[in-house]
Amino acid sequence: MTSAAPSSTRRRADKRRDLLRGGLILFARDGYTRASVDAIAEQAGVSTRTLYNHFGDKAGLFRAVIAASSAEVAERQIAIIDRHLTEVTELHDALVALGLDWVHRRADDLAAHWALVQQISAERDHVPDAALRAWRDSGPLAVRRALAARLAALAAQFDLAFPDPELAARHLVQLITVDDFAVSPTPLRPAALESMLDTGVRVFLRGYARS
C-alpha cells in the first residue's frame, strides 16, 4: 500500500525545484548582487534554512540556477541544430532556417533565462567565477560543440574547410543569431530579417569555402 504522504526524498526534490525556480525569477529580476536570500526563500515558499541546506549559500544557489537554466536552453538549441542540420540537401537554406528558428527561440517560458543572462552581462565583475563557468559549460559551450560537430560532418558534402570546427561554429552563431532582433522592442520585419540572415550565411559559406 502506497502512503498518501510524499516521501522525504520527494519533498526534498520538490523544495530544490522550487528554490531553483524562485532563484531564477529573483536573479533575473534583481541580478545576483541585489537579490536577497530572504526574498528568494519567500519566492520559493521555503525557509532560508532550507535554502542553505540545499545550496550552501547564495552563490551556490546562483551557480545551480544558471547551470540548470542554461542546460534547458542548450537542450532546445541543440534540438534546433539537429532539426536543421541532420539531413541537408541545400546548406545555405538550412542555415537560414536555423537562424530563423534561433531568433524565435526566446519563448515566453524562457524569458527569465534571457533576463538572467543580461543581468550576468551587466554585473559580470560581481558574479562568482564558478557561476560563470557553470553557465558557459552547460550552455554556450555545449551548444557550440554540438554545432561544431554538425558542421564538421557536413564539410566534405559541401566542399567546406573547417580547420577549427568550434571556431567556425562561433563565427556562424555570431552571423545568424541576430540577438538585437530578438530583444528589440521594434523587431525587424520578416523580409529584413531574412535578408540579414541570408547575408550572414553567404559570408560564412564564402569564408569557409575550400580554396
N, C-alpha and C. Protein backbone atom coordinates (compact mmCIF):
# COMPACT_ATOMS: atom_id res chain seq x y z
N MET A 1 0.85 -1.20 0.00
CA MET A 1 0.00 0.00 0.00
C MET A 1 0.88 1.25 0.00
N THR A 2 0.60 2.20 -0.90
CA THR A 2 1.40 3.40 -1.03
C THR A 2 0.90 4.48 -0.07
N SER A 3 1.79 5.07 0.65
CA SER A 3 1.42 6.12 1.58
C SER A 3 0.96 7.36 0.84
N ALA A 4 -0.05 8.04 1.37
CA ALA A 4 -0.56 9.25 0.71
C ALA A 4 0.42 10.40 0.86
N ALA A 5 1.18 10.38 1.94
CA ALA A 5 2.14 11.45 2.18
C ALA A 5 3.37 11.24 1.31
N PRO A 6 3.89 12.32 0.69
CA PRO A 6 5.09 12.17 -0.13
C PRO A 6 6.28 11.78 0.72
N SER A 7 7.19 11.04 0.16
CA SER A 7 8.39 10.63 0.88
C SER A 7 9.28 11.83 1.14
N SER A 8 10.19 11.67 2.07
CA SER A 8 11.12 12.76 2.38
C SER A 8 11.98 13.09 1.17
N THR A 9 12.32 12.06 0.38
CA THR A 9 13.11 12.29 -0.83
C THR A 9 12.35 13.14 -1.83
N ARG A 10 11.05 12.83 -1.98
CA ARG A 10 10.22 13.61 -2.90
C ARG A 10 10.07 15.05 -2.42
N ARG A 11 9.85 15.20 -1.12
CA ARG A 11 9.72 16.57 -0.58
C ARG A 11 11.00 17.36 -0.79
N ARG A 12 12.12 16.72 -0.59
CA ARG A 12 13.40 17.41 -0.77
C ARG A 12 13.58 17.83 -2.23
N ALA A 13 13.22 16.93 -3.16
CA ALA A 13 13.34 17.25 -4.58
C ALA A 13 12.40 18.40 -4.95
N ASP A 14 11.20 18.40 -4.38
CA ASP A 14 10.24 19.48 -4.67
C ASP A 14 10.77 20.82 -4.16
N LYS A 15 11.35 20.82 -2.98
CA LYS A 15 11.88 22.07 -2.42
C LYS A 15 13.06 22.58 -3.25
N ARG A 16 13.88 21.65 -3.70
CA ARG A 16 15.01 22.06 -4.55
C ARG A 16 14.50 22.68 -5.84
N ARG A 17 13.49 22.05 -6.44
CA ARG A 17 12.92 22.60 -7.66
C ARG A 17 12.32 23.98 -7.43
N ASP A 18 11.61 24.13 -6.32
CA ASP A 18 11.01 25.43 -6.01
C ASP A 18 12.09 26.50 -5.79
N LEU A 19 13.19 26.12 -5.17
CA LEU A 19 14.28 27.07 -4.96
C LEU A 19 14.93 27.46 -6.29
N LEU A 20 15.10 26.51 -7.17
CA LEU A 20 15.68 26.84 -8.48
C LEU A 20 14.76 27.77 -9.26
N ARG A 21 13.46 27.49 -9.19
CA ARG A 21 12.51 28.34 -9.90
C ARG A 21 12.45 29.73 -9.27
N GLY A 22 12.37 29.77 -7.94
CA GLY A 22 12.33 31.07 -7.26
C GLY A 22 13.61 31.85 -7.45
N GLY A 23 14.75 31.15 -7.42
CA GLY A 23 16.02 31.82 -7.64
C GLY A 23 16.12 32.40 -9.03
N LEU A 24 15.64 31.65 -10.03
CA LEU A 24 15.67 32.16 -11.40
C LEU A 24 14.85 33.44 -11.53
N ILE A 25 13.66 33.43 -10.95
CA ILE A 25 12.79 34.62 -11.03
C ILE A 25 13.45 35.84 -10.38
N LEU A 26 13.99 35.65 -9.19
CA LEU A 26 14.57 36.79 -8.46
C LEU A 26 15.90 37.24 -9.05
N PHE A 27 16.77 36.30 -9.42
CA PHE A 27 18.04 36.68 -10.02
C PHE A 27 17.82 37.37 -11.37
N ALA A 28 16.84 36.90 -12.13
CA ALA A 28 16.55 37.52 -13.42
C ALA A 28 16.00 38.92 -13.24
N ARG A 29 15.24 39.12 -12.19
CA ARG A 29 14.64 40.44 -11.96
C ARG A 29 15.61 41.42 -11.31
N ASP A 30 16.33 40.94 -10.28
CA ASP A 30 17.13 41.84 -9.46
C ASP A 30 18.63 41.74 -9.69
N GLY A 31 19.09 40.68 -10.36
CA GLY A 31 20.52 40.46 -10.52
C GLY A 31 21.09 39.73 -9.32
N TYR A 32 22.32 39.27 -9.46
CA TYR A 32 22.95 38.49 -8.40
C TYR A 32 23.17 39.31 -7.14
N THR A 33 23.68 40.51 -7.28
CA THR A 33 24.05 41.32 -6.12
C THR A 33 22.84 41.74 -5.30
N ARG A 34 21.78 42.18 -5.97
CA ARG A 34 20.63 42.74 -5.25
C ARG A 34 19.66 41.68 -4.73
N ALA A 35 19.60 40.54 -5.36
CA ALA A 35 18.66 39.50 -4.91
C ALA A 35 19.08 39.00 -3.52
N SER A 36 18.17 39.00 -2.58
CA SER A 36 18.49 38.58 -1.22
C SER A 36 18.04 37.15 -0.97
N VAL A 37 18.73 36.50 -0.06
CA VAL A 37 18.37 35.13 0.33
C VAL A 37 16.95 35.09 0.88
N ASP A 38 16.59 36.07 1.70
CA ASP A 38 15.25 36.10 2.28
C ASP A 38 14.18 36.19 1.20
N ALA A 39 14.41 37.06 0.19
CA ALA A 39 13.43 37.24 -0.87
C ALA A 39 13.31 35.98 -1.72
N ILE A 40 14.43 35.34 -1.98
CA ILE A 40 14.41 34.11 -2.79
C ILE A 40 13.67 33.01 -2.05
N ALA A 41 13.95 32.86 -0.77
CA ALA A 41 13.26 31.84 0.02
C ALA A 41 11.76 32.10 0.06
N GLU A 42 11.38 33.37 0.21
CA GLU A 42 9.95 33.71 0.21
C GLU A 42 9.32 33.39 -1.14
N GLN A 43 10.01 33.73 -2.23
CA GLN A 43 9.50 33.43 -3.57
C GLN A 43 9.32 31.93 -3.76
N ALA A 44 10.23 31.15 -3.20
CA ALA A 44 10.19 29.69 -3.36
C ALA A 44 9.23 29.03 -2.37
N GLY A 45 8.79 29.78 -1.36
CA GLY A 45 7.88 29.22 -0.38
C GLY A 45 8.56 28.29 0.61
N VAL A 46 9.84 28.57 0.90
CA VAL A 46 10.59 27.74 1.84
C VAL A 46 11.32 28.66 2.83
N SER A 47 11.94 28.06 3.82
CA SER A 47 12.71 28.84 4.79
C SER A 47 14.11 29.11 4.26
N THR A 48 14.76 30.12 4.82
CA THR A 48 16.16 30.38 4.44
C THR A 48 17.05 29.20 4.84
N ARG A 49 16.69 28.53 5.93
CA ARG A 49 17.48 27.37 6.34
C ARG A 49 17.44 26.29 5.25
N THR A 50 16.26 26.10 4.66
CA THR A 50 16.15 25.12 3.57
C THR A 50 17.06 25.50 2.42
N LEU A 51 17.09 26.79 2.09
CA LEU A 51 17.98 27.24 1.01
C LEU A 51 19.43 26.91 1.33
N TYR A 52 19.85 27.22 2.55
CA TYR A 52 21.24 26.94 2.93
C TYR A 52 21.52 25.44 2.95
N ASN A 53 20.55 24.65 3.39
CA ASN A 53 20.75 23.20 3.44
C ASN A 53 20.95 22.61 2.04
N HIS A 54 20.25 23.16 1.06
CA HIS A 54 20.33 22.63 -0.30
C HIS A 54 21.54 23.16 -1.06
N PHE A 55 21.87 24.44 -0.89
CA PHE A 55 22.85 25.07 -1.78
C PHE A 55 24.03 25.73 -1.06
N GLY A 56 24.03 25.72 0.24
CA GLY A 56 25.16 26.27 0.99
C GLY A 56 25.07 27.76 1.23
N ASP A 57 24.88 28.51 0.15
CA ASP A 57 24.77 29.97 0.26
C ASP A 57 24.19 30.51 -1.04
N LYS A 58 24.11 31.84 -1.11
CA LYS A 58 23.51 32.45 -2.31
C LYS A 58 24.33 32.13 -3.56
N ALA A 59 25.64 32.13 -3.42
CA ALA A 59 26.50 31.83 -4.57
C ALA A 59 26.25 30.41 -5.08
N GLY A 60 26.08 29.47 -4.16
CA GLY A 60 25.81 28.10 -4.57
C GLY A 60 24.48 27.97 -5.28
N LEU A 61 23.47 28.68 -4.78
CA LEU A 61 22.17 28.66 -5.45
C LEU A 61 22.26 29.29 -6.83
N PHE A 62 22.96 30.42 -6.92
CA PHE A 62 23.08 31.09 -8.21
C PHE A 62 23.76 30.18 -9.23
N ARG A 63 24.81 29.50 -8.81
CA ARG A 63 25.51 28.57 -9.71
C ARG A 63 24.57 27.47 -10.18
N ALA A 64 23.78 26.93 -9.28
CA ALA A 64 22.85 25.87 -9.65
C ALA A 64 21.74 26.38 -10.57
N VAL A 65 21.26 27.59 -10.30
CA VAL A 65 20.20 28.18 -11.12
C VAL A 65 20.68 28.40 -12.55
N ILE A 66 21.84 29.02 -12.71
CA ILE A 66 22.30 29.33 -14.06
C ILE A 66 22.69 28.07 -14.81
N ALA A 67 23.22 27.06 -14.11
CA ALA A 67 23.58 25.81 -14.77
C ALA A 67 22.32 25.09 -15.25
N ALA A 68 21.29 25.02 -14.41
CA ALA A 68 20.06 24.33 -14.78
C ALA A 68 19.34 25.05 -15.91
N SER A 69 19.26 26.37 -15.80
CA SER A 69 18.57 27.15 -16.82
C SER A 69 19.31 27.08 -18.16
N SER A 70 20.64 27.19 -18.12
CA SER A 70 21.43 27.13 -19.35
C SER A 70 21.34 25.76 -20.01
N ALA A 71 21.31 24.72 -19.19
CA ALA A 71 21.20 23.37 -19.74
C ALA A 71 19.87 23.18 -20.46
N GLU A 72 18.80 23.75 -19.89
CA GLU A 72 17.48 23.64 -20.54
C GLU A 72 17.47 24.36 -21.88
N VAL A 73 18.03 25.57 -21.91
CA VAL A 73 18.07 26.33 -23.16
C VAL A 73 18.98 25.64 -24.17
N ALA A 74 20.12 25.13 -23.71
CA ALA A 74 21.04 24.42 -24.61
C ALA A 74 20.37 23.21 -25.24
N GLU A 75 19.58 22.50 -24.46
CA GLU A 75 18.87 21.34 -25.00
C GLU A 75 17.95 21.74 -26.14
N ARG A 76 17.27 22.86 -25.97
CA ARG A 76 16.37 23.34 -27.03
C ARG A 76 17.17 23.80 -28.26
N GLN A 77 18.27 24.48 -28.02
CA GLN A 77 19.06 24.96 -29.14
C GLN A 77 19.71 23.80 -29.90
N ILE A 78 20.16 22.80 -29.18
CA ILE A 78 20.75 21.63 -29.84
C ILE A 78 19.68 20.89 -30.65
N ALA A 79 18.45 20.88 -30.16
CA ALA A 79 17.35 20.28 -30.92
C ALA A 79 17.14 21.04 -32.23
N ILE A 80 17.27 22.37 -32.19
CA ILE A 80 17.16 23.18 -33.41
C ILE A 80 18.28 22.81 -34.39
N ILE A 81 19.49 22.70 -33.86
CA ILE A 81 20.63 22.31 -34.71
C ILE A 81 20.38 20.96 -35.37
N ASP A 82 19.94 20.00 -34.57
CA ASP A 82 19.68 18.66 -35.11
C ASP A 82 18.56 18.69 -36.15
N ARG A 83 17.55 19.50 -35.90
CA ARG A 83 16.41 19.56 -36.82
C ARG A 83 16.83 20.09 -38.19
N HIS A 84 17.72 21.07 -38.22
CA HIS A 84 18.06 21.71 -39.49
C HIS A 84 19.31 21.15 -40.15
N LEU A 85 20.20 20.53 -39.38
CA LEU A 85 21.50 20.14 -39.95
C LEU A 85 21.76 18.63 -39.91
N THR A 86 20.74 17.83 -39.75
CA THR A 86 20.96 16.38 -39.74
C THR A 86 20.97 15.81 -41.16
N GLU A 87 19.95 16.11 -41.92
CA GLU A 87 19.90 15.67 -43.32
C GLU A 87 19.73 16.93 -44.17
N VAL A 88 20.82 17.32 -44.85
CA VAL A 88 20.84 18.61 -45.54
C VAL A 88 21.09 18.39 -47.03
N THR A 89 20.26 19.01 -47.84
CA THR A 89 20.48 18.97 -49.29
C THR A 89 20.95 20.33 -49.80
N GLU A 90 20.53 21.41 -49.15
CA GLU A 90 20.95 22.76 -49.53
C GLU A 90 21.38 23.48 -48.25
N LEU A 91 22.69 23.62 -48.08
CA LEU A 91 23.22 24.12 -46.82
C LEU A 91 22.84 25.57 -46.57
N HIS A 92 22.87 26.40 -47.60
CA HIS A 92 22.51 27.80 -47.42
C HIS A 92 21.11 27.91 -46.83
N ASP A 93 20.16 27.22 -47.43
CA ASP A 93 18.77 27.30 -46.96
C ASP A 93 18.64 26.74 -45.54
N ALA A 94 19.38 25.68 -45.27
CA ALA A 94 19.31 25.07 -43.94
C ALA A 94 19.84 26.02 -42.87
N LEU A 95 20.89 26.75 -43.18
CA LEU A 95 21.47 27.67 -42.20
C LEU A 95 20.59 28.90 -42.00
N VAL A 96 19.94 29.36 -43.06
CA VAL A 96 18.99 30.47 -42.91
C VAL A 96 17.82 30.03 -42.04
N ALA A 97 17.31 28.83 -42.29
CA ALA A 97 16.21 28.30 -41.48
C ALA A 97 16.63 28.14 -40.02
N LEU A 98 17.87 27.70 -39.82
CA LEU A 98 18.41 27.60 -38.47
C LEU A 98 18.42 28.96 -37.79
N GLY A 99 18.86 29.98 -38.51
CA GLY A 99 18.88 31.32 -37.95
C GLY A 99 17.49 31.83 -37.59
N LEU A 100 16.52 31.58 -38.47
CA LEU A 100 15.14 32.00 -38.19
C LEU A 100 14.61 31.31 -36.95
N ASP A 101 14.87 30.01 -36.86
CA ASP A 101 14.43 29.25 -35.70
C ASP A 101 15.10 29.77 -34.43
N TRP A 102 16.38 30.10 -34.54
CA TRP A 102 17.14 30.57 -33.38
C TRP A 102 16.63 31.92 -32.88
N VAL A 103 16.28 32.81 -33.80
CA VAL A 103 15.77 34.13 -33.41
C VAL A 103 14.52 33.99 -32.56
N HIS A 104 13.68 33.02 -32.91
CA HIS A 104 12.40 32.87 -32.21
C HIS A 104 12.50 31.91 -31.03
N ARG A 105 13.74 31.59 -30.63
CA ARG A 105 13.93 30.67 -29.51
C ARG A 105 13.57 31.29 -28.18
N ARG A 106 13.44 32.62 -28.11
CA ARG A 106 13.18 33.30 -26.84
C ARG A 106 11.69 33.24 -26.50
N ALA A 107 11.23 32.02 -26.34
CA ALA A 107 9.83 31.81 -25.99
C ALA A 107 9.53 32.42 -24.62
N ASP A 108 8.23 32.67 -24.37
CA ASP A 108 7.84 33.30 -23.11
C ASP A 108 8.34 32.51 -21.91
N ASP A 109 8.35 31.18 -22.02
CA ASP A 109 8.76 30.38 -20.87
C ASP A 109 10.27 30.42 -20.65
N LEU A 110 11.00 31.05 -21.57
CA LEU A 110 12.45 31.19 -21.41
C LEU A 110 12.85 32.63 -21.15
N ALA A 111 11.86 33.52 -21.02
CA ALA A 111 12.16 34.95 -20.85
C ALA A 111 13.03 35.18 -19.62
N ALA A 112 12.76 34.46 -18.54
CA ALA A 112 13.54 34.65 -17.32
C ALA A 112 15.00 34.30 -17.54
N HIS A 113 15.26 33.26 -18.34
CA HIS A 113 16.65 32.88 -18.59
C HIS A 113 17.39 34.00 -19.32
N TRP A 114 16.78 34.55 -20.36
CA TRP A 114 17.46 35.59 -21.12
C TRP A 114 17.63 36.86 -20.29
N ALA A 115 16.66 37.13 -19.41
CA ALA A 115 16.83 38.26 -18.50
C ALA A 115 18.00 38.02 -17.54
N LEU A 116 18.14 36.76 -17.11
CA LEU A 116 19.26 36.41 -16.23
C LEU A 116 20.59 36.58 -16.95
N VAL A 117 20.66 36.17 -18.20
CA VAL A 117 21.89 36.33 -18.98
C VAL A 117 22.25 37.81 -19.10
N GLN A 118 21.25 38.65 -19.32
CA GLN A 118 21.51 40.09 -19.39
C GLN A 118 22.01 40.63 -18.05
N GLN A 119 21.47 40.10 -16.96
CA GLN A 119 21.95 40.52 -15.63
C GLN A 119 23.40 40.11 -15.43
N ILE A 120 23.75 38.91 -15.87
CA ILE A 120 25.13 38.45 -15.75
C ILE A 120 26.06 39.37 -16.52
N SER A 121 25.67 39.74 -17.72
CA SER A 121 26.50 40.63 -18.53
C SER A 121 26.66 41.98 -17.86
N ALA A 122 25.60 42.46 -17.21
CA ALA A 122 25.63 43.79 -16.60
C ALA A 122 26.49 43.82 -15.34
N GLU A 123 26.55 42.71 -14.60
CA GLU A 123 27.31 42.71 -13.36
C GLU A 123 28.34 41.59 -13.32
N ARG A 124 28.96 41.38 -14.47
CA ARG A 124 29.91 40.27 -14.60
C ARG A 124 31.01 40.31 -13.53
N ASP A 125 31.48 41.48 -13.19
CA ASP A 125 32.57 41.60 -12.21
C ASP A 125 32.16 41.16 -10.81
N HIS A 126 30.86 41.07 -10.57
CA HIS A 126 30.38 40.70 -9.23
C HIS A 126 29.82 39.29 -9.17
N VAL A 127 29.78 38.61 -10.31
CA VAL A 127 29.25 37.24 -10.36
C VAL A 127 30.38 36.26 -10.05
N PRO A 128 30.16 35.29 -9.17
CA PRO A 128 31.21 34.32 -8.84
C PRO A 128 31.73 33.59 -10.08
N ASP A 129 33.05 33.38 -10.14
CA ASP A 129 33.65 32.70 -11.30
C ASP A 129 33.05 31.32 -11.52
N ALA A 130 32.75 30.62 -10.44
CA ALA A 130 32.17 29.28 -10.57
C ALA A 130 30.84 29.33 -11.30
N ALA A 131 30.05 30.37 -11.06
CA ALA A 131 28.76 30.52 -11.73
C ALA A 131 28.96 30.81 -13.21
N LEU A 132 29.94 31.64 -13.54
CA LEU A 132 30.24 31.94 -14.94
C LEU A 132 30.66 30.68 -15.68
N ARG A 133 31.51 29.86 -15.03
CA ARG A 133 31.94 28.61 -15.66
C ARG A 133 30.76 27.66 -15.85
N ALA A 134 29.88 27.58 -14.86
CA ALA A 134 28.71 26.71 -14.96
C ALA A 134 27.82 27.14 -16.12
N TRP A 135 27.65 28.45 -16.27
CA TRP A 135 26.84 28.98 -17.38
C TRP A 135 27.46 28.61 -18.72
N ARG A 136 28.74 28.87 -18.87
CA ARG A 136 29.40 28.60 -20.16
C ARG A 136 29.40 27.11 -20.48
N ASP A 137 29.73 26.29 -19.48
CA ASP A 137 29.88 24.86 -19.74
C ASP A 137 28.55 24.19 -20.07
N SER A 138 27.50 24.55 -19.35
CA SER A 138 26.22 23.89 -19.56
C SER A 138 25.41 24.52 -20.69
N GLY A 139 25.76 25.75 -21.07
CA GLY A 139 25.01 26.46 -22.09
C GLY A 139 25.77 26.70 -23.37
N PRO A 140 26.39 27.88 -23.52
CA PRO A 140 27.01 28.25 -24.79
C PRO A 140 28.04 27.25 -25.31
N LEU A 141 28.89 26.71 -24.45
CA LEU A 141 29.91 25.78 -24.93
C LEU A 141 29.31 24.47 -25.38
N ALA A 142 28.29 24.00 -24.69
CA ALA A 142 27.62 22.76 -25.10
C ALA A 142 26.98 22.93 -26.47
N VAL A 143 26.35 24.08 -26.69
CA VAL A 143 25.71 24.34 -27.98
C VAL A 143 26.77 24.47 -29.08
N ARG A 144 27.85 25.17 -28.77
CA ARG A 144 28.91 25.36 -29.76
C ARG A 144 29.52 24.03 -30.18
N ARG A 145 29.72 23.14 -29.23
CA ARG A 145 30.30 21.84 -29.55
C ARG A 145 29.35 21.02 -30.43
N ALA A 146 28.06 21.09 -30.13
CA ALA A 146 27.08 20.37 -30.94
C ALA A 146 27.03 20.92 -32.36
N LEU A 147 27.06 22.24 -32.49
CA LEU A 147 27.06 22.85 -33.81
C LEU A 147 28.34 22.54 -34.56
N ALA A 148 29.47 22.56 -33.87
CA ALA A 148 30.75 22.24 -34.49
C ALA A 148 30.76 20.82 -35.04
N ALA A 149 30.18 19.90 -34.29
CA ALA A 149 30.13 18.51 -34.75
C ALA A 149 29.29 18.38 -36.02
N ARG A 150 28.18 19.09 -36.09
CA ARG A 150 27.34 19.05 -37.30
C ARG A 150 28.08 19.67 -38.49
N LEU A 151 28.73 20.79 -38.26
CA LEU A 151 29.46 21.44 -39.36
C LEU A 151 30.58 20.54 -39.87
N ALA A 152 31.30 19.91 -38.97
CA ALA A 152 32.39 19.02 -39.38
C ALA A 152 31.86 17.87 -40.21
N ALA A 153 30.68 17.37 -39.85
CA ALA A 153 30.09 16.26 -40.59
C ALA A 153 29.63 16.68 -41.98
N LEU A 154 29.33 17.97 -42.16
CA LEU A 154 28.84 18.46 -43.45
C LEU A 154 29.95 19.00 -44.35
N ALA A 155 31.15 19.12 -43.83
CA ALA A 155 32.23 19.79 -44.56
C ALA A 155 32.49 19.16 -45.92
N ALA A 156 32.68 17.86 -45.97
CA ALA A 156 33.01 17.20 -47.23
C ALA A 156 31.86 17.29 -48.22
N GLN A 157 30.63 17.14 -47.73
CA GLN A 157 29.46 17.16 -48.61
C GLN A 157 29.32 18.48 -49.35
N PHE A 158 29.71 19.58 -48.68
CA PHE A 158 29.52 20.90 -49.29
C PHE A 158 30.83 21.61 -49.60
N ASP A 159 31.91 20.85 -49.64
CA ASP A 159 33.22 21.35 -50.05
C ASP A 159 33.65 22.56 -49.21
N LEU A 160 33.55 22.38 -47.90
CA LEU A 160 33.97 23.43 -46.97
C LEU A 160 35.16 22.94 -46.16
N ALA A 161 35.92 23.87 -45.64
CA ALA A 161 37.09 23.53 -44.83
C ALA A 161 36.95 24.17 -43.46
N PHE A 162 36.95 23.35 -42.42
CA PHE A 162 36.85 23.83 -41.05
C PHE A 162 38.07 23.36 -40.26
N PRO A 163 39.20 24.08 -40.34
CA PRO A 163 40.38 23.68 -39.55
C PRO A 163 40.08 23.61 -38.06
N ASP A 164 39.21 24.50 -37.60
CA ASP A 164 38.80 24.52 -36.20
C ASP A 164 37.27 24.60 -36.18
N PRO A 165 36.58 23.45 -36.13
CA PRO A 165 35.11 23.47 -36.21
C PRO A 165 34.44 24.30 -35.12
N GLU A 166 35.03 24.33 -33.91
CA GLU A 166 34.40 25.12 -32.84
C GLU A 166 34.50 26.62 -33.13
N LEU A 167 35.61 27.05 -33.72
CA LEU A 167 35.73 28.45 -34.11
C LEU A 167 34.74 28.77 -35.22
N ALA A 168 34.59 27.85 -36.16
CA ALA A 168 33.62 28.04 -37.24
C ALA A 168 32.20 28.14 -36.67
N ALA A 169 31.90 27.30 -35.69
CA ALA A 169 30.58 27.35 -35.06
C ALA A 169 30.36 28.70 -34.38
N ARG A 170 31.39 29.20 -33.75
CA ARG A 170 31.27 30.51 -33.09
C ARG A 170 31.02 31.60 -34.12
N HIS A 171 31.72 31.55 -35.23
CA HIS A 171 31.51 32.54 -36.29
C HIS A 171 30.08 32.46 -36.82
N LEU A 172 29.60 31.25 -37.04
CA LEU A 172 28.25 31.09 -37.58
C LEU A 172 27.21 31.66 -36.62
N VAL A 173 27.35 31.36 -35.34
CA VAL A 173 26.39 31.87 -34.36
C VAL A 173 26.38 33.40 -34.37
N GLN A 174 27.55 33.99 -34.46
CA GLN A 174 27.63 35.46 -34.47
C GLN A 174 26.96 36.04 -35.71
N LEU A 175 26.97 35.30 -36.79
CA LEU A 175 26.42 35.81 -38.05
C LEU A 175 24.92 35.58 -38.21
N ILE A 176 24.37 34.59 -37.53
CA ILE A 176 22.97 34.25 -37.79
C ILE A 176 22.03 34.37 -36.60
N THR A 177 22.53 34.59 -35.41
CA THR A 177 21.59 34.63 -34.29
C THR A 177 20.85 35.95 -34.19
N VAL A 178 21.43 37.04 -34.68
CA VAL A 178 20.75 38.34 -34.73
C VAL A 178 20.13 38.66 -33.39
N ASP A 179 20.95 38.71 -32.34
CA ASP A 179 20.44 38.93 -31.00
C ASP A 179 19.73 40.27 -30.84
N ASP A 180 20.16 41.29 -31.59
CA ASP A 180 19.50 42.58 -31.47
C ASP A 180 18.03 42.48 -31.87
N PHE A 181 17.76 41.63 -32.88
CA PHE A 181 16.37 41.45 -33.30
C PHE A 181 15.57 40.78 -32.19
N ALA A 182 16.19 39.79 -31.54
CA ALA A 182 15.46 39.00 -30.55
C ALA A 182 15.02 39.83 -29.35
N VAL A 183 15.76 40.87 -29.01
CA VAL A 183 15.42 41.66 -27.81
C VAL A 183 14.91 43.05 -28.15
N SER A 184 14.83 43.39 -29.42
CA SER A 184 14.43 44.74 -29.81
C SER A 184 12.94 44.97 -29.56
N PRO A 185 12.56 46.15 -29.03
CA PRO A 185 11.14 46.46 -28.85
C PRO A 185 10.44 46.71 -30.18
N THR A 186 11.21 47.03 -31.23
CA THR A 186 10.65 47.21 -32.56
C THR A 186 11.39 46.25 -33.51
N PRO A 187 11.00 44.98 -33.51
CA PRO A 187 11.73 43.97 -34.27
C PRO A 187 11.69 44.21 -35.76
N LEU A 188 12.69 43.66 -36.43
CA LEU A 188 12.76 43.75 -37.88
C LEU A 188 11.56 43.05 -38.52
N ARG A 189 11.18 43.53 -39.67
CA ARG A 189 10.15 42.82 -40.43
C ARG A 189 10.74 41.52 -40.96
N PRO A 190 9.89 40.52 -41.19
CA PRO A 190 10.40 39.22 -41.64
C PRO A 190 11.31 39.30 -42.86
N ALA A 191 10.97 40.15 -43.83
CA ALA A 191 11.80 40.25 -45.04
C ALA A 191 13.18 40.79 -44.70
N ALA A 192 13.24 41.79 -43.82
CA ALA A 192 14.52 42.37 -43.44
C ALA A 192 15.35 41.36 -42.65
N LEU A 193 14.69 40.61 -41.78
CA LEU A 193 15.39 39.58 -41.01
C LEU A 193 15.98 38.52 -41.93
N GLU A 194 15.17 38.03 -42.88
CA GLU A 194 15.66 37.01 -43.80
C GLU A 194 16.81 37.54 -44.63
N SER A 195 16.76 38.81 -44.99
CA SER A 195 17.86 39.40 -45.76
C SER A 195 19.14 39.42 -44.94
N MET A 196 19.05 39.76 -43.66
CA MET A 196 20.22 39.77 -42.78
C MET A 196 20.79 38.37 -42.62
N LEU A 197 19.90 37.40 -42.43
CA LEU A 197 20.35 36.02 -42.28
C LEU A 197 20.99 35.51 -43.57
N ASP A 198 20.39 35.84 -44.70
CA ASP A 198 20.93 35.43 -45.99
C ASP A 198 22.35 35.98 -46.16
N THR A 199 22.54 37.25 -45.81
CA THR A 199 23.87 37.85 -45.93
C THR A 199 24.86 37.16 -45.00
N GLY A 200 24.45 36.92 -43.76
CA GLY A 200 25.33 36.27 -42.81
C GLY A 200 25.74 34.88 -43.25
N VAL A 201 24.79 34.11 -43.77
CA VAL A 201 25.09 32.75 -44.22
C VAL A 201 26.03 32.79 -45.42
N ARG A 202 25.80 33.70 -46.34
CA ARG A 202 26.67 33.79 -47.52
C ARG A 202 28.11 34.15 -47.11
N VAL A 203 28.23 35.06 -46.16
CA VAL A 203 29.57 35.41 -45.67
C VAL A 203 30.24 34.19 -45.05
N PHE A 204 29.49 33.44 -44.26
CA PHE A 204 30.04 32.25 -43.61
C PHE A 204 30.49 31.22 -44.64
N LEU A 205 29.63 30.92 -45.60
CA LEU A 205 29.95 29.89 -46.59
C LEU A 205 31.12 30.34 -47.48
N ARG A 206 31.16 31.60 -47.82
CA ARG A 206 32.27 32.10 -48.63
C ARG A 206 33.58 32.04 -47.83
N GLY A 207 33.51 32.39 -46.56
CA GLY A 207 34.72 32.40 -45.75
C GLY A 207 35.31 31.02 -45.52
N TYR A 208 34.45 29.99 -45.50
CA TYR A 208 34.93 28.64 -45.23
C TYR A 208 34.91 27.74 -46.46
N ALA A 209 34.72 28.33 -47.64
CA ALA A 209 34.77 27.54 -48.86
C ALA A 209 36.20 26.99 -49.07
N ARG A 210 36.27 25.74 -49.47
CA ARG A 210 37.58 25.13 -49.71
C ARG A 210 38.20 25.80 -50.94
N SER A 211 39.40 26.34 -50.78
CA SER A 211 40.04 27.08 -51.88
C SER A 211 40.71 26.12 -52.86
